[in-house]
PDB file of N, CA and C in Angstrom:
ATOM      1  N   MET A   1      79.075 110.647  80.452  1.00  0.00           N
ATOM      2  CA  MET A   1      79.477 109.282  80.688  1.00  0.00           C
ATOM      3  C   MET A   1      80.029 109.156  82.102  1.00  0.00           C
ATOM      4  N   THR A   2      79.640 108.131  82.792  1.00  0.00           N
ATOM      5  CA  THR A   2      80.085 107.906  84.155  1.00  0.00           C
ATOM      6  C   THR A   2      81.420 107.180  84.151  1.00  0.00           C
ATOM      7  N   LYS A   3      82.345 107.654  84.981  1.00  0.00           N
ATOM      8  CA  LYS A   3      83.640 106.997  85.103  1.00  0.00           C
ATOM      9  C   LYS A   3      83.505 105.836  86.083  1.00  0.00           C
ATOM     10  N   ILE A   4      83.873 104.643  85.652  1.00  0.00           N
ATOM     11  CA  ILE A   4      83.806 103.480  86.531  1.00  0.00           C
ATOM     12  C   ILE A   4      85.032 103.457  87.436  1.00  0.00           C
ATOM     13  N   PHE A   5      86.185 103.695  86.874  1.00  0.00           N
ATOM     14  CA  PHE A   5      87.413 103.663  87.643  1.00  0.00           C
ATOM     15  C   PHE A   5      87.881 105.073  87.927  1.00  0.00           C
ATOM     16  N   GLY A   6      88.696 105.197  88.963  1.00  0.00           N
ATOM     17  CA  GLY A   6      89.174 106.499  89.381  1.00  0.00           C
ATOM     18  C   GLY A   6      90.412 106.943  88.628  1.00  0.00           C
ATOM     19  N   SER A   7      90.999 108.009  89.130  1.00  0.00           N
ATOM     20  CA  SER A   7      92.147 108.604  88.452  1.00  0.00           C
ATOM     21  C   SER A   7      93.398 107.736  88.553  1.00  0.00           C
ATOM     22  N   THR A   8      93.526 106.936  89.600  1.00  0.00           N
ATOM     23  CA  THR A   8      94.720 106.100  89.758  1.00  0.00           C
ATOM     24  C   THR A   8      94.819 105.091  88.627  1.00  0.00           C
ATOM     25  N   VAL A   9      93.727 104.442  88.294  1.00  0.00           N
ATOM     26  CA  VAL A   9      93.732 103.464  87.206  1.00  0.00           C
ATOM     27  C   VAL A   9      94.001 104.161  85.879  1.00  0.00           C
ATOM     28  N   ASN A  10      93.372 105.296  85.653  1.00  0.00           N
ATOM     29  CA  ASN A  10      93.576 106.024  84.394  1.00  0.00           C
ATOM     30  C   ASN A  10      95.014 106.505  84.238  1.00  0.00           C
ATOM     31  N   GLU A  11      95.612 107.006  85.310  1.00  0.00           N
ATOM     32  CA  GLU A  11      97.004 107.456  85.240  1.00  0.00           C
ATOM     33  C   GLU A  11      97.945 106.292  84.978  1.00  0.00           C
ATOM     34  N   THR A  12      97.665 105.138  85.562  1.00  0.00           N
ATOM     35  CA  THR A  12      98.513 103.970  85.349  1.00  0.00           C
ATOM     36  C   THR A  12      98.391 103.469  83.914  1.00  0.00           C
ATOM     37  N   ILE A  13      97.194 103.443  83.389  1.00  0.00           N
ATOM     38  CA  ILE A  13      97.000 103.029  82.001  1.00  0.00           C
ATOM     39  C   ILE A  13      97.698 104.003  81.056  1.00  0.00           C
ATOM     40  N   ASP A  14      97.583 105.296  81.321  1.00  0.00           N
ATOM     41  CA  ASP A  14      98.234 106.303  80.469  1.00  0.00           C
ATOM     42  C   ASP A  14      99.749 106.181  80.499  1.00  0.00           C
ATOM     43  N   ALA A  15     100.308 105.746  81.614  1.00  0.00           N
ATOM     44  CA  ALA A  15     101.765 105.621  81.723  1.00  0.00           C
ATOM     45  C   ALA A  15     102.309 104.539  80.801  1.00  0.00           C
ATOM     46  N   PHE A  16     101.488 103.553  80.462  1.00  0.00           N
ATOM     47  CA  PHE A  16     101.955 102.449  79.632  1.00  0.00           C
ATOM     48  C   PHE A  16     101.480 102.538  78.182  1.00  0.00           C
ATOM     49  N   GLN A  17     100.907 103.670  77.806  1.00  0.00           N
ATOM     50  CA  GLN A  17     100.531 103.880  76.413  1.00  0.00           C
ATOM     51  C   GLN A  17     101.794 104.116  75.590  1.00  0.00           C
ATOM     52  N   PRO A  18     101.791 103.728  74.321  1.00  0.00           N
ATOM     53  CA  PRO A  18     102.978 103.958  73.485  1.00  0.00           C
ATOM     54  C   PRO A  18     103.270 105.453  73.345  1.00  0.00           C
ATOM     55  N   MET A  19     104.565 105.771  73.242  1.00  0.00           N
ATOM     56  CA  MET A  19     104.964 107.169  73.092  1.00  0.00           C
ATOM     57  C   MET A  19     104.716 107.621  71.662  1.00  0.00           C
ATOM     58  N   HIS A  20     104.405 108.900  71.532  1.00  0.00           N
ATOM     59  CA  HIS A  20     104.189 109.496  70.228  1.00  0.00           C
ATOM     60  C   HIS A  20     105.374 110.399  69.895  1.00  0.00           C
ATOM     61  N   LEU A  21     105.547 110.669  68.637  1.00  0.00           N
ATOM     62  CA  LEU A  21     106.620 111.575  68.240  1.00  0.00           C
ATOM     63  C   LEU A  21     106.382 112.944  68.858  1.00  0.00           C
ATOM     64  N   GLY A  22     107.416 113.511  69.390  1.00  0.00           N
ATOM     65  CA  GLY A  22     107.305 114.824  70.004  1.00  0.00           C
ATOM     66  C   GLY A  22     106.970 114.785  71.481  1.00  0.00           C
ATOM     67  N   SER A  23     106.711 113.594  72.036  1.00  0.00           N
ATOM     68  CA  SER A  23     106.409 113.536  73.466  1.00  0.00           C
ATOM     69  C   SER A  23     107.712 113.511  74.257  1.00  0.00           C
ATOM     70  N   LYS A  24     107.625 113.910  75.493  1.00  0.00           N
ATOM     71  CA  LYS A  24     108.813 113.998  76.340  1.00  0.00           C
ATOM     72  C   LYS A  24     109.097 112.642  76.968  1.00  0.00           C
ATOM     73  N   GLY A  25     110.251 112.093  76.677  1.00  0.00           N
ATOM     74  CA  GLY A  25     110.635 110.777  77.186  1.00  0.00           C
ATOM     75  C   GLY A  25     110.848 110.754  78.681  1.00  0.00           C
ATOM     76  N   ASN A  26     111.430 111.834  79.242  1.00  0.00           N
ATOM     77  CA  ASN A  26     111.681 111.878  80.668  1.00  0.00           C
ATOM     78  C   ASN A  26     110.388 111.899  81.467  1.00  0.00           C
ATOM     79  N   GLU A  27     109.415 112.621  80.971  1.00  0.00           N
ATOM     80  CA  GLU A  27     108.120 112.686  81.649  1.00  0.00           C
ATOM     81  C   GLU A  27     107.448 111.312  81.622  1.00  0.00           C
ATOM     82  N   ARG A  28     107.540 110.640  80.501  1.00  0.00           N
ATOM     83  CA  ARG A  28     106.943 109.305  80.363  1.00  0.00           C
ATOM     84  C   ARG A  28     107.651 108.308  81.286  1.00  0.00           C
ATOM     85  N   ALA A  29     108.972 108.406  81.385  1.00  0.00           N
ATOM     86  CA  ALA A  29     109.729 107.498  82.244  1.00  0.00           C
ATOM     87  C   ALA A  29     109.366 107.704  83.718  1.00  0.00           C
ATOM     88  N   SER A  30     109.179 108.942  84.135  1.00  0.00           N
ATOM     89  CA  SER A  30     108.821 109.173  85.534  1.00  0.00           C
ATOM     90  C   SER A  30     107.406 108.679  85.817  1.00  0.00           C
ATOM     91  N   LYS A  31     106.494 108.812  84.859  1.00  0.00           N
ATOM     92  CA  LYS A  31     105.143 108.280  85.046  1.00  0.00           C
ATOM     93  C   LYS A  31     105.159 106.759  85.142  1.00  0.00           C
ATOM     94  N   ARG A  32     106.037 106.136  84.366  1.00  0.00           N
ATOM     95  CA  ARG A  32     106.137 104.668  84.441  1.00  0.00           C
ATOM     96  C   ARG A  32     106.728 104.217  85.764  1.00  0.00           C
ATOM     97  N   ARG A  33     107.709 104.951  86.276  1.00  0.00           N
ATOM     98  CA  ARG A  33     108.278 104.596  87.586  1.00  0.00           C
ATOM     99  C   ARG A  33     107.217 104.699  88.671  1.00  0.00           C
ATOM    100  N   ILE A  34     106.427 105.743  88.622  1.00  0.00           N
ATOM    101  CA  ILE A  34     105.351 105.909  89.600  1.00  0.00           C
ATOM    102  C   ILE A  34     104.347 104.769  89.468  1.00  0.00           C
ATOM    103  N   ALA A  35     104.012 104.406  88.236  1.00  0.00           N
ATOM    104  CA  ALA A  35     103.058 103.319  88.010  1.00  0.00           C
ATOM    105  C   ALA A  35     103.603 101.991  88.521  1.00  0.00           C
ATOM    106  N   PHE A  36     104.879 101.710  88.240  1.00  0.00           N
ATOM    107  CA  PHE A  36     105.488 100.476  88.749  1.00  0.00           C
ATOM    108  C   PHE A  36     105.497 100.469  90.277  1.00  0.00           C
ATOM    109  N   GLY A  37     105.786 101.604  90.884  1.00  0.00           N
ATOM    110  CA  GLY A  37     105.775 101.690  92.347  1.00  0.00           C
ATOM    111  C   GLY A  37     104.393 101.406  92.910  1.00  0.00           C
ATOM    112  N   ARG A  38     103.360 101.969  92.292  1.00  0.00           N
ATOM    113  CA  ARG A  38     101.981 101.713  92.727  1.00  0.00           C
ATOM    114  C   ARG A  38     101.645 100.234  92.648  1.00  0.00           C
ATOM    115  N   ILE A  39     102.028  99.620  91.540  1.00  0.00           N
ATOM    116  CA  ILE A  39     101.716  98.207  91.326  1.00  0.00           C
ATOM    117  C   ILE A  39     102.454  97.334  92.331  1.00  0.00           C
ATOM    118  N   ILE A  40     103.730  97.599  92.553  1.00  0.00           N
ATOM    119  CA  ILE A  40     104.527  96.786  93.473  1.00  0.00           C
ATOM    120  C   ILE A  40     104.019  96.916  94.898  1.00  0.00           C
ATOM    121  N   VAL A  41     103.744  98.124  95.341  1.00  0.00           N
ATOM    122  CA  VAL A  41     103.230  98.323  96.699  1.00  0.00           C
ATOM    123  C   VAL A  41     101.872  97.652  96.864  1.00  0.00           C
ATOM    124  N   SER A  42     101.031  97.744  95.854  1.00  0.00           N
ATOM    125  CA  SER A  42      99.718  97.108  95.924  1.00  0.00           C
ATOM    126  C   SER A  42      99.843  95.591  96.020  1.00  0.00           C
ATOM    127  N   ILE A  43     100.733  95.007  95.231  1.00  0.00           N
ATOM    128  CA  ILE A  43     100.936  93.557  95.282  1.00  0.00           C
ATOM    129  C   ILE A  43     101.457  93.137  96.651  1.00  0.00           C
ATOM    130  N   LEU A  44     102.408  93.886  97.197  1.00  0.00           N
ATOM    131  CA  LEU A  44     102.934  93.553  98.521  1.00  0.00           C
ATOM    132  C   LEU A  44     101.854  93.639  99.597  1.00  0.00           C
ATOM    133  N   LEU A  45     101.000  94.658  99.503  1.00  0.00           N
ATOM    134  CA  LEU A  45      99.916  94.785 100.473  1.00  0.00           C
ATOM    135  C   LEU A  45      98.884  93.667 100.324  1.00  0.00           C
ATOM    136  N   ILE A  46      98.600  93.252  99.099  1.00  0.00           N
ATOM    137  CA  ILE A  46      97.671  92.144  98.897  1.00  0.00           C
ATOM    138  C   ILE A  46      98.243  90.849  99.451  1.00  0.00           C
ATOM    139  N   ILE A  47      99.534  90.626  99.284  1.00  0.00           N
ATOM    140  CA  ILE A  47     100.178  89.440  99.860  1.00  0.00           C
ATOM    141  C   ILE A  47     100.104  89.490 101.384  1.00  0.00           C
ATOM    142  N   ALA A  48     100.386  90.661 101.956  1.00  0.00           N
ATOM    143  CA  ALA A  48     100.304  90.799 103.418  1.00  0.00           C
ATOM    144  C   ALA A  48      98.872  90.578 103.903  1.00  0.00           C
ATOM    145  N   GLY A  49      97.894  91.109 103.191  1.00  0.00           N
ATOM    146  CA  GLY A  49      96.493  90.910 103.565  1.00  0.00           C
ATOM    147  C   GLY A  49      96.096  89.446 103.502  1.00  0.00           C
ATOM    148  N   THR A  50      96.576  88.748 102.476  1.00  0.00           N
ATOM    149  CA  THR A  50      96.285  87.323 102.353  1.00  0.00           C
ATOM    150  C   THR A  50      96.890  86.536 103.507  1.00  0.00           C
ATOM    151  N   ILE A  51      98.102  86.887 103.900  1.00  0.00           N
ATOM    152  CA  ILE A  51      98.746  86.216 105.034  1.00  0.00           C
ATOM    153  C   ILE A  51      97.948  86.452 106.305  1.00  0.00           C
ATOM    154  N   PHE A  52      97.476  87.672 106.512  1.00  0.00           N
ATOM    155  CA  PHE A  52      96.689  87.964 107.704  1.00  0.00           C
ATOM    156  C   PHE A  52      95.355  87.225 107.693  1.00  0.00           C
ATOM    157  N   VAL A  53      94.715  87.147 106.537  1.00  0.00           N
ATOM    158  CA  VAL A  53      93.414  86.478 106.463  1.00  0.00           C
ATOM    159  C   VAL A  53      93.557  84.974 106.653  1.00  0.00           C
ATOM    160  N   LEU A  54      94.533  84.368 106.008  1.00  0.00           N
ATOM    161  CA  LEU A  54      94.656  82.916 106.037  1.00  0.00           C
ATOM    162  C   LEU A  54      95.522  82.383 107.172  1.00  0.00           C
ATOM    163  N   GLY A  55      96.515  83.144 107.575  1.00  0.00           N
ATOM    164  CA  GLY A  55      97.499  82.602 108.495  1.00  0.00           C
ATOM    165  C   GLY A  55      97.333  82.970 109.949  1.00  0.00           C
ATOM    166  N   THR A  56      96.621  84.002 110.269  1.00  0.00           N
ATOM    167  CA  THR A  56      96.523  84.436 111.660  1.00  0.00           C
ATOM    168  C   THR A  56      95.059  84.573 112.065  1.00  0.00           C
ATOM    169  N   LYS A  57      94.845  84.832 113.318  1.00  0.00           N
ATOM    170  CA  LYS A  57      93.483  85.044 113.821  1.00  0.00           C
ATOM    171  C   LYS A  57      93.021  86.479 113.606  1.00  0.00           C
ATOM    172  N   ASN A  58      93.893  87.322 113.108  1.00  0.00           N
ATOM    173  CA  ASN A  58      93.584  88.735 112.915  1.00  0.00           C
ATOM    174  C   ASN A  58      93.107  88.979 111.480  1.00  0.00           C
ATOM    175  N   SER A  59      91.992  88.340 111.102  1.00  0.00           N
ATOM    176  CA  SER A  59      91.515  88.455 109.727  1.00  0.00           C
ATOM    177  C   SER A  59      90.915  89.833 109.434  1.00  0.00           C
ATOM    178  N   GLU A  60      90.517  90.568 110.481  1.00  0.00           N
ATOM    179  CA  GLU A  60      89.975  91.911 110.253  1.00  0.00           C
ATOM    180  C   GLU A  60      91.035  92.836 109.674  1.00  0.00           C
ATOM    181  N   LEU A  61      92.270  92.676 110.110  1.00  0.00           N
ATOM    182  CA  LEU A  61      93.356  93.496 109.574  1.00  0.00           C
ATOM    183  C   LEU A  61      93.578  93.182 108.097  1.00  0.00           C
ATOM    184  N   GLY A  62      93.524  91.906 107.735  1.00  0.00           N
ATOM    185  CA  GLY A  62      93.665  91.522 106.339  1.00  0.00           C
ATOM    186  C   GLY A  62      92.549  92.096 105.481  1.00  0.00           C
ATOM    187  N   ALA A  63      91.323  92.061 106.007  1.00  0.00           N
ATOM    188  CA  ALA A  63      90.193  92.628 105.274  1.00  0.00           C
ATOM    189  C   ALA A  63      90.352  94.140 105.128  1.00  0.00           C
ATOM    190  N   ALA A  64      90.875  94.801 106.154  1.00  0.00           N
ATOM    191  CA  ALA A  64      91.109  96.244 106.081  1.00  0.00           C
ATOM    192  C   ALA A  64      92.173  96.574 105.032  1.00  0.00           C
ATOM    193  N   ILE A  65      93.189  95.742 104.930  1.00  0.00           N
ATOM    194  CA  ILE A  65      94.237  95.959 103.921  1.00  0.00           C
ATOM    195  C   ILE A  65      93.650  95.811 102.520  1.00  0.00           C
ATOM    196  N   PHE A  66      92.837  94.759 102.319  1.00  0.00           N
ATOM    197  CA  PHE A  66      92.190  94.586 101.011  1.00  0.00           C
ATOM    198  C   PHE A  66      91.313  95.783 100.675  1.00  0.00           C
ATOM    199  N   GLY A  67      90.564  96.261 101.637  1.00  0.00           N
ATOM    200  CA  GLY A  67      89.700  97.412 101.419  1.00  0.00           C
ATOM    201  C   GLY A  67      90.482  98.666 101.090  1.00  0.00           C
ATOM    202  N   ALA A  68      91.623  98.844 101.756  1.00  0.00           N
ATOM    203  CA  ALA A  68      92.453 100.020 101.489  1.00  0.00           C
ATOM    204  C   ALA A  68      93.029  99.982 100.076  1.00  0.00           C
ATOM    205  N   VAL A  69      93.478  98.818  99.644  1.00  0.00           N
ATOM    206  CA  VAL A  69      94.038  98.693  98.292  1.00  0.00           C
ATOM    207  C   VAL A  69      92.941  98.930  97.248  1.00  0.00           C
ATOM    208  N   MET A  70      91.774  98.343  97.461  1.00  0.00           N
ATOM    209  CA  MET A  70      90.656  98.563  96.526  1.00  0.00           C
ATOM    210  C   MET A  70      90.259 100.039  96.484  1.00  0.00           C
ATOM    211  N   GLY A  71      90.181 100.650  97.644  1.00  0.00           N
ATOM    212  CA  GLY A  71      89.825 102.066  97.701  1.00  0.00           C
ATOM    213  C   GLY A  71      90.843 102.948  97.015  1.00  0.00           C
ATOM    214  N   TYR A  72      92.124 102.610  97.153  1.00  0.00           N
ATOM    215  CA  TYR A  72      93.168 103.395  96.511  1.00  0.00           C
ATOM    216  C   TYR A  72      93.036 103.336  94.992  1.00  0.00           C
ATOM    217  N   TRP A  73      92.832 102.151  94.456  1.00  0.00           N
ATOM    218  CA  TRP A  73      92.770 102.005  93.011  1.00  0.00           C
ATOM    219  C   TRP A  73      91.463 102.512  92.415  1.00  0.00           C
ATOM    220  N   LEU A  74      90.397 102.531  93.201  1.00  0.00           N
ATOM    221  CA  LEU A  74      89.112 102.971  92.668  1.00  0.00           C
ATOM    222  C   LEU A  74      88.788 104.421  92.992  1.00  0.00           C
ATOM    223  N   LYS A  75      89.709 105.128  93.675  1.00  0.00           N
ATOM    224  CA  LYS A  75      89.410 106.514  94.067  1.00  0.00           C
ATOM    225  C   LYS A  75      89.279 107.433  92.879  1.00  0.00           C
TER     226      LYS A  75
END
């Protein structure tokens, strides 16, 4: 089976799966913190890219930011 999404998406989805009995809570909490950090940074970069595309003459930088965020999540 071919993987459509990369490891970043899979790790983020796994971080928000319900905990099972016997699983380590601290490990799950650190995975969730990492996932929240990824999401927040990605949202901030998308907002910055949108500002560059719509608000300034430097739309190439905004397009590069969008491409970087897409590449990060699909790697």
